[in-house]
Protein backbone atom coordinates (compact mmCIF):
# COMPACT_ATOMS: atom_id res chain seq x y z
CA MET A 1 -52.65 9.31 -16.15
CA GLN A 2 -51.23 9.26 -19.67
CA THR A 3 -53.13 7.83 -22.40
CA VAL A 4 -52.53 3.94 -22.65
CA SER A 5 -53.96 0.97 -24.02
CA ALA A 6 -56.40 -1.45 -22.28
CA ARG A 7 -53.55 -3.79 -21.95
CA TRP A 8 -51.26 -1.58 -19.50
CA ASN A 9 -52.95 -1.52 -16.13
CA PRO A 10 -53.40 -5.28 -16.00
CA ALA A 11 -49.90 -5.99 -17.34
CA LEU A 12 -48.57 -3.94 -14.17
CA ALA A 13 -50.28 -6.54 -11.94
CA THR A 14 -48.74 -9.28 -13.67
CA ASP A 15 -45.59 -10.55 -15.57
CA HIS A 16 -44.10 -7.81 -17.59
CA GLY A 17 -40.65 -6.20 -18.79
CA LEU A 18 -39.31 -2.74 -18.32
CA ILE A 19 -38.30 -0.76 -21.53
CA SER A 20 -36.47 2.78 -21.82
CA LYS A 21 -35.50 4.91 -24.41
CA VAL A 22 -33.37 8.40 -24.72
CA ASN A 23 -33.03 10.37 -27.58
CA VAL A 24 -30.50 13.57 -27.84
CA LEU A 25 -31.84 16.51 -29.43
CA TYR A 26 -29.99 19.98 -30.20
CA GLY A 27 -31.59 22.81 -31.99
CA GLY A 28 -34.77 20.73 -32.31
CA SER A 29 -33.22 17.93 -34.12
CA VAL A 30 -32.43 14.50 -33.01
CA VAL A 31 -28.79 13.87 -33.15
CA ALA A 32 -28.63 10.72 -31.35
CA GLU A 33 -31.25 7.95 -31.17
CA ASP A 34 -31.75 5.15 -28.23
CA ILE A 35 -28.51 5.86 -26.79
CA PRO A 36 -26.93 3.34 -24.55
CA PHE A 37 -27.11 4.02 -20.86
CA VAL A 38 -26.05 2.34 -17.42
CA ASP A 39 -28.68 3.62 -15.20
CA GLY A 40 -31.26 6.55 -14.89
CA SER A 41 -34.56 7.75 -13.28
CA VAL A 42 -37.00 10.47 -13.92
CA THR A 43 -38.45 12.50 -10.64
CA VAL A 44 -41.72 14.20 -11.13
CA ASP A 45 -42.69 16.56 -8.20
CA ARG A 46 -45.82 18.59 -8.36
CA GLY A 47 -44.32 20.66 -5.47
CA SER A 48 -41.16 21.72 -7.39
CA ASP A 49 -41.19 24.68 -10.01
CA VAL A 50 -39.36 22.53 -12.28
CA ARG A 51 -41.65 19.31 -12.33
CA ARG A 52 -39.52 16.72 -13.99
CA GLN A 53 -35.90 16.01 -13.30
CA LEU A 54 -33.62 13.42 -15.04
CA SER A 55 -30.65 11.84 -13.57
CA LEU A 56 -28.67 9.31 -16.44
CA THR A 57 -25.48 7.59 -16.17
CA ILE A 58 -23.36 7.11 -19.28
CA ALA A 59 -20.56 4.63 -19.12
CA ASP A 60 -18.20 5.77 -21.81
CA PRO A 61 -15.77 8.69 -20.45
CA ALA A 62 -15.30 9.38 -23.98
CA ASP A 63 -18.78 11.03 -24.20
CA PHE A 64 -17.62 13.80 -21.73
CA PRO A 65 -18.67 17.08 -23.47
CA LEU A 66 -15.34 18.72 -24.35
CA THR A 67 -17.36 21.32 -27.04
CA GLU A 68 -20.18 23.44 -26.95
CA THR A 69 -22.09 21.32 -29.53
CA ALA A 70 -20.80 17.80 -27.98
CA ARG A 71 -23.70 15.31 -27.82
CA TYR A 72 -24.23 15.61 -23.82
CA GLY A 73 -23.37 19.68 -23.90
CA VAL A 74 -24.89 22.15 -21.31
CA TYR A 75 -25.33 24.69 -24.20
CA GLY A 76 -29.06 23.64 -25.24
CA GLN A 77 -28.72 20.22 -25.72
CA THR A 78 -31.94 18.20 -24.55
CA LEU A 79 -32.93 14.50 -23.91
CA TYR A 80 -36.08 12.79 -24.77
CA VAL A 81 -36.87 9.87 -22.35
CA GLU A 82 -39.73 7.43 -22.87
CA SER A 83 -40.52 4.45 -20.71
CA GLY A 84 -42.86 1.58 -20.60
CA ILE A 85 -43.78 -1.94 -20.58
CA THR A 86 -42.85 -5.18 -22.62
CA TYR A 87 -45.45 -7.55 -22.78
CA LEU A 88 -45.20 -11.39 -22.87
CA ASP A 89 -45.88 -11.61 -26.35
CA GLY A 90 -42.68 -9.55 -26.87
CA SER A 91 -44.49 -6.27 -27.88
CA SER A 92 -43.83 -2.88 -26.18
CA GLU A 93 -45.67 0.28 -25.19
CA LEU A 94 -43.89 3.30 -24.58
CA VAL A 95 -45.10 6.77 -22.75
CA PRO A 96 -43.02 10.19 -22.90
CA CYS A 97 -41.30 10.71 -19.30
CA GLY A 98 -40.09 14.22 -20.38
CA LEU A 99 -38.10 16.59 -22.74
CA PHE A 100 -35.27 17.47 -20.43
CA VAL A 101 -32.61 20.40 -20.72
CA ILE A 102 -29.02 19.11 -19.81
CA THR A 103 -27.64 21.20 -16.84
CA GLN A 104 -24.50 19.21 -15.42
CA VAL A 105 -22.27 16.42 -16.41
CA SER A 106 -19.61 14.90 -14.26
CA GLY A 107 -17.54 11.99 -13.73
CA SER A 108 -14.10 10.56 -14.24
CA ILE A 109 -12.33 11.57 -17.38
CA HIS A 110 -10.49 8.44 -17.47
CA THR A 111 -12.71 5.56 -16.43
CA GLY A 112 -16.18 7.27 -16.32
CA PRO A 113 -19.18 6.79 -15.58
CA LEU A 114 -20.64 9.98 -16.33
CA SER A 115 -23.52 11.17 -14.40
CA ILE A 116 -25.82 13.64 -16.36
CA THR A 117 -28.42 15.88 -14.96
CA ALA A 118 -31.36 17.45 -16.95
CA VAL A 119 -34.55 19.13 -16.15
CA GLY A 120 -37.66 20.14 -17.55
CA GLN A 121 -38.47 22.95 -19.86
CA GLU A 122 -39.63 25.31 -17.27
CA ILE A 123 -36.02 25.76 -16.44
CA LEU A 124 -35.89 28.01 -19.62
CA LEU A 125 -38.28 30.28 -18.33
CA LYS A 126 -36.68 30.41 -14.82
CA ARG A 127 -33.42 31.54 -16.35
CA ALA A 128 -35.10 34.18 -18.83
CA VAL A 129 -35.73 37.75 -17.45
CA PHE A 130 -38.11 40.70 -18.88
CA GLU A 131 -35.85 42.49 -21.31
CA THR A 132 -38.59 45.38 -21.55
CA ALA A 133 -41.20 46.34 -19.05
CA THR A 134 -44.12 43.73 -19.40
CA SER A 135 -47.65 44.30 -18.81
CA THR A 136 -50.75 42.09 -19.23
CA LYS A 137 -52.63 45.30 -20.53
CA GLY A 138 -53.92 44.49 -23.80
CA PHE A 139 -54.36 40.54 -23.43
CA ALA A 140 -57.60 39.12 -23.28
CA SER A 141 -57.03 36.46 -20.62
CA ALA A 142 -54.32 34.97 -18.31
CA ALA A 143 -53.96 32.16 -20.62
CA ALA A 144 -53.09 34.46 -23.76
CA PHE A 145 -50.70 36.10 -21.48
CA ILE A 146 -48.95 33.19 -20.46
CA GLY A 147 -48.94 31.77 -24.08
CA THR A 148 -47.37 34.73 -25.36
CA GLN A 149 -44.64 34.82 -22.92
CA ILE A 150 -43.73 31.06 -23.26
CA ALA A 151 -43.46 31.64 -26.88
CA ALA A 152 -41.26 34.52 -26.58
CA VAL A 153 -38.71 32.53 -24.54
CA VAL A 154 -38.98 29.01 -25.94
CA PRO A 155 -40.05 29.70 -29.63
CA GLY A 156 -42.30 26.91 -31.03
CA ALA A 157 -43.37 25.56 -27.53
CA SER A 158 -46.73 24.00 -27.06
CA PHE A 159 -49.05 25.60 -24.55
CA VAL A 160 -52.54 23.97 -23.74
CA ASN A 161 -54.91 25.98 -21.23
CA ALA A 162 -57.12 23.38 -19.41
CA SER A 163 -58.23 25.59 -16.59
CA THR A 164 -61.85 26.72 -15.70
CA ASN A 165 -60.95 30.36 -15.45
CA GLY A 166 -57.75 30.83 -17.67
CA ALA A 167 -59.79 32.36 -20.57
CA GLY A 168 -61.35 35.07 -18.37
CA ALA A 169 -60.49 38.48 -18.31
CA ILE A 170 -57.06 39.44 -16.72
CA ALA A 171 -56.13 42.79 -14.61
CA THR A 172 -53.36 45.10 -15.26
CA LYS A 173 -49.95 44.41 -13.87
CA THR A 174 -46.51 45.34 -14.96
CA TRP A 175 -43.27 43.76 -14.41
CA ASP A 176 -40.17 45.81 -14.37
CA VAL A 177 -36.93 44.93 -16.64
CA GLY A 178 -34.96 42.01 -15.17
CA GLN A 179 -37.66 40.61 -13.14
CA ASP A 180 -38.10 36.79 -14.00
CA VAL A 181 -40.47 35.57 -16.46
CA TRP A 182 -41.38 32.15 -14.53
CA SER A 183 -42.47 33.91 -11.28
CA ALA A 184 -44.68 36.19 -13.13
CA LEU A 185 -46.26 33.50 -15.02
CA VAL A 186 -46.79 31.36 -11.53
CA GLU A 187 -48.46 34.46 -10.24
CA VAL A 188 -50.82 35.08 -13.29
CA ALA A 189 -51.94 31.30 -12.89
CA ASN A 190 -52.48 31.68 -9.20
CA SER A 191 -54.58 34.36 -10.03
CA VAL A 192 -57.12 32.35 -11.71
CA GLY A 193 -56.97 29.21 -9.25
CA ALA A 194 -54.49 27.23 -11.71
CA GLU A 195 -50.80 25.66 -11.64
CA LEU A 196 -48.63 26.00 -14.62
CA TYR A 197 -46.20 23.16 -15.38
CA CYS A 198 -44.53 21.37 -18.29
CA ASP A 199 -45.85 17.64 -19.05
CA ALA A 200 -44.15 14.56 -20.44
CA ASN A 201 -44.29 15.48 -23.89
CA GLY A 202 -42.69 19.07 -23.33
CA THR A 203 -46.03 20.91 -23.49
CA PHE A 204 -46.63 23.70 -21.19
CA ARG A 205 -50.31 23.39 -19.41
CA LEU A 206 -52.33 25.45 -17.35
CA VAL A 207 -54.61 23.46 -15.30
CA ASP A 208 -57.04 23.81 -12.24
CA VAL A 209 -55.33 22.90 -8.71
CA PRO A 210 -56.50 19.53 -8.44
CA ASN A 211 -59.48 18.56 -5.95
CA ILE A 212 -59.59 15.26 -4.04
CA ASP A 213 -63.47 15.78 -3.55
CA ALA A 214 -63.98 16.02 -7.39
CA ALA A 215 -61.27 13.60 -8.42
CA VAL A 216 -61.91 10.23 -10.18
CA PRO A 217 -58.93 7.54 -9.73
CA VAL A 218 -57.11 6.42 -12.53
CA TRP A 219 -55.10 3.52 -11.02
CA ASP A 220 -55.83 1.32 -8.17
CA VAL A 221 -52.71 0.64 -5.91
CA SER A 222 -53.52 -2.74 -3.92
CA ALA A 223 -51.98 -4.78 -1.56
CA GLY A 224 -51.84 -8.77 -1.74
CA GLU A 225 -52.12 -11.14 -4.79
CA TYR A 226 -52.49 -9.30 -8.21
CA GLY A 227 -51.85 -6.11 -6.40
CA VAL A 228 -48.98 -3.59 -7.59
CA MET A 229 -48.57 -2.13 -4.04
CA VAL A 230 -44.96 -3.27 -2.59
CA SER A 231 -45.13 -1.06 0.69
CA ALA A 232 -46.87 1.85 2.23
CA GLU A 233 -45.80 4.27 5.22
CA MET A 234 -48.44 6.87 6.07
CA THR A 235 -47.87 10.30 7.45
CA THR A 236 -50.33 12.73 9.15
CA THR A 237 -48.52 16.14 10.02
CA SER A 238 -49.63 19.44 10.95
CA ASP A 239 -46.55 21.09 9.15
CA ASP A 240 -47.38 23.90 6.66
CA VAL A 241 -51.21 23.03 6.90
CA PHE A 242 -53.62 25.73 6.83
CA ASN A 243 -57.69 25.52 7.50
CA ARG A 244 -58.24 29.07 6.19
CA VAL A 245 -56.87 31.09 3.15
CA ILE A 246 -57.45 34.89 2.68
CA ALA A 247 -56.86 36.02 -0.85
CA SER A 248 -56.77 39.78 -1.34
CA GLY A 249 -55.73 42.37 -3.98
CA GLU A 250 -55.21 45.99 -4.96
CA ASN A 251 -54.64 47.33 -8.14
CA THR A 252 -53.46 50.90 -8.45
CA GLU A 253 -52.72 50.63 -12.05
CA GLU A 254 -56.46 50.15 -12.94
CA ASN A 255 -57.40 52.42 -9.75
CA LYS A 256 -59.36 49.20 -8.56
CA PRO A 257 -60.17 49.35 -4.88
CA PRO A 258 -58.95 46.72 -2.33
CA VAL A 259 -60.90 43.22 -2.44
CA SER A 260 -60.64 40.05 -0.68
CA ALA A 261 -61.94 36.74 -0.04
CA THR A 262 -62.02 33.77 2.45
CA ALA A 263 -61.95 30.08 1.89
CA THR A 264 -62.25 28.26 5.21
CA ILE A 265 -62.63 24.32 6.22
CA THR A 266 -65.65 24.51 8.29
CA THR A 267 -66.10 20.56 8.88
CA GLY A 268 -64.16 17.78 10.17
CA PRO A 269 -60.94 17.46 12.28
CA LEU A 270 -59.26 20.48 10.20
CA ARG A 271 -62.07 22.86 10.42
CA TYR A 272 -61.37 26.44 11.56
CA GLY A 273 -61.32 26.88 15.02
CA GLY A 274 -61.91 23.39 15.95
CA PRO A 275 -59.24 21.06 18.01
CA PHE A 276 -56.93 22.21 15.19
CA GLY A 277 -57.04 25.91 15.83
CA LYS A 278 -57.11 28.55 13.72
CA VAL A 279 -54.02 28.52 11.11
CA THR A 280 -54.25 30.93 8.30
CA LYS A 281 -52.65 31.58 5.16
CA THR A 282 -52.53 34.96 3.42
CA TYR A 283 -52.12 35.57 -0.57
CA GLN A 284 -51.89 38.92 -2.04
CA SER A 285 -51.70 40.01 -5.66
CA SER A 286 -52.34 42.91 -7.66
CA LEU A 287 -54.21 40.64 -10.31
CA ILE A 288 -56.80 39.91 -7.90
CA THR A 289 -59.39 42.73 -8.64
CA ASN A 290 -62.90 41.61 -7.73
CA GLY A 291 -64.68 39.29 -5.07
CA SER A 292 -65.21 36.38 -7.48
CA GLN A 293 -61.75 36.21 -8.54
CA ALA A 294 -60.49 36.39 -5.02
CA ALA A 295 -62.94 33.69 -4.07
CA GLN A 296 -61.84 31.18 -6.58
CA THR A 297 -58.21 32.11 -5.77
CA ALA A 298 -58.70 31.54 -1.89
CA ASN A 299 -60.40 28.26 -2.82
CA ALA A 300 -57.87 26.98 -5.03
CA LEU A 301 -55.30 27.72 -2.41
CA LEU A 302 -57.03 26.17 0.40
CA ARG A 303 -57.17 22.85 -1.62
CA LYS A 304 -53.25 23.17 -1.90
CA TYR A 305 -52.56 23.88 1.56
CA GLN A 306 -54.84 21.59 3.26
CA ALA A 307 -53.38 18.80 1.26
CA PRO A 308 -50.15 17.80 3.27
CA ASN A 309 -51.96 16.82 6.31
CA ARG A 310 -52.36 13.14 5.23
CA SER A 311 -50.00 11.30 3.18
CA VAL A 312 -48.73 7.91 2.05
CA THR A 313 -45.19 6.97 0.40
CA LEU A 314 -45.95 4.04 -1.61
CA GLY A 315 -43.68 1.67 -3.10
CA THR A 316 -45.25 -0.02 -6.04
CA ILE A 317 -44.64 -1.44 -9.42
CA PRO A 318 -43.47 1.25 -11.72
CA ASN A 319 -45.96 3.10 -13.79
CA PRO A 320 -44.32 5.58 -15.80
CA ALA A 321 -47.75 6.85 -17.40
CA LEU A 322 -48.59 8.35 -14.01
CA GLU A 323 -48.80 12.11 -13.75
CA ALA A 324 -48.28 14.28 -10.58
CA GLY A 325 -51.95 15.51 -9.31
CA ASP A 326 -53.51 12.04 -10.47
CA CYS A 327 -56.24 10.40 -8.26
CA ILE A 328 -55.42 7.04 -7.14
CA ARG A 329 -57.16 4.54 -5.12
CA VAL A 330 -55.01 3.03 -2.29
CA ASN A 331 -56.20 -0.42 -0.92
CA TYR A 332 -54.00 -1.48 1.91
CA GLY A 333 -55.28 -5.00 2.46
CA ASP A 334 -57.64 -6.75 4.43
CA THR A 335 -55.24 -6.98 7.25
CA ALA A 336 -54.28 -3.32 7.48
CA PRO A 337 -55.90 -0.97 10.11
CA ALA A 338 -56.30 1.66 7.42
CA PRO A 339 -59.66 1.33 5.16
CA PRO A 340 -59.17 1.99 1.28
CA GLU A 341 -58.48 5.74 0.49
CA LEU A 342 -58.26 8.04 -2.26
CA HIS A 343 -55.05 9.98 -2.69
CA LEU A 344 -53.73 12.63 -4.97
CA VAL A 345 -50.11 12.04 -6.40
CA GLN A 346 -47.47 14.66 -5.44
CA SER A 347 -44.30 13.21 -6.46
CA PHE A 348 -42.85 9.74 -7.90
CA THR A 349 -39.58 8.26 -9.54
CA VAL A 350 -39.81 6.44 -12.49
CA PRO A 351 -36.57 4.07 -12.80
CA LEU A 352 -35.46 3.76 -16.18
CA SER A 353 -33.66 0.24 -15.87
CA VAL A 354 -34.17 -2.79 -14.00
CA GLY A 355 -31.29 -2.56 -11.70
CA SER A 356 -32.10 1.19 -10.88
CA SER A 357 -31.85 1.89 -7.27
CA GLY A 358 -34.66 3.13 -5.30
CA GLY A 359 -37.50 1.54 -7.01
CA PHE A 360 -40.69 3.26 -7.84
CA THR A 361 -41.86 5.60 -4.95
CA ILE A 362 -45.21 7.43 -4.89
CA GLN A 363 -45.66 10.40 -2.57
CA THR A 364 -49.30 11.20 -2.19
CA VAL A 365 -51.09 13.87 -0.34
CA SER A 366 -55.05 14.77 0.40
CA GLY A 367 -55.81 11.37 1.74
CA LYS A 368 -59.37 10.70 2.25
CA ASP A 369 -61.42 7.51 2.85
CA ASP A 370 -62.86 5.84 -0.32
CA ASN A 371 -66.62 6.20 0.65
CA ASP A 372 -67.17 3.83 -2.47
CA GLU A 373 -65.76 0.81 -0.43
């Protein structure tokens, strides 16, 4: 969860107001501050290549962008969004919700309103392709390669390596002219057991794949008096769930022999060879060149591919400080058949106005009993 004051979480469970702010930037400079809008929401989805997406409704049809440099144009114009709490004493606290590239504007040219769609900074890397053959050779680490490629496409962008293995040595791989940059960077991230995304501040981050067994809950989502839970729907599924991952690699550029490693669930209902069966996911990358690297990749991917088996859709009081990948404690109340659980946040939608449709919905994965209860 983003850094907030000690007042934040208690206020969510009591009386408070909602406040949001949107600024327009062009060429890195603010061209319009605290713009008026009718409605809006920010969707955060850890399962998407572009983690954050903005939907915004503007009332005045005169704001339709008719020139390349218009305020809401689709030629590099960006929107910086903040949302937060107004406390009972009248003070407020805001957290960033994202830096978004405008990709589409539509609506009635006569009466409005205008609907704006904008997405996170990852889109800039997804649009870009390598202009020359590009190799990891000569780079000291996966993080060094990723940071350099991001800076080449998005000058001035911030990059943080918060992963365990991102600073380790990287094998040699070359991408041809025309291959897209983002796919290459995701492959490099996977090879060190990490994931890459752009956070709410517009900073690109390389982080370890979240592990529910080592996670510490950052927010208590409880039913009942002084709780923030509005509703809860639980799902268990076998779709896209695996109990074994085999990660392998063979690097001809470095004349490295084939290597592989296997990560397996050996206990519980999902155990390999148990009632669930033998369900294997294979992953191959030439960036995997030794057994240790293959093992860390297999273990990271196993955490990801076993995660969907137990999930919850929660309706709660809006918490814009939440991050995808956060661990939350879910307490369904004394009358519910399910005990308190720990879950990883997979996706959620932040309403930017009180009247926003849909409310605040959190989709979780990797549910497990909270043994502290």
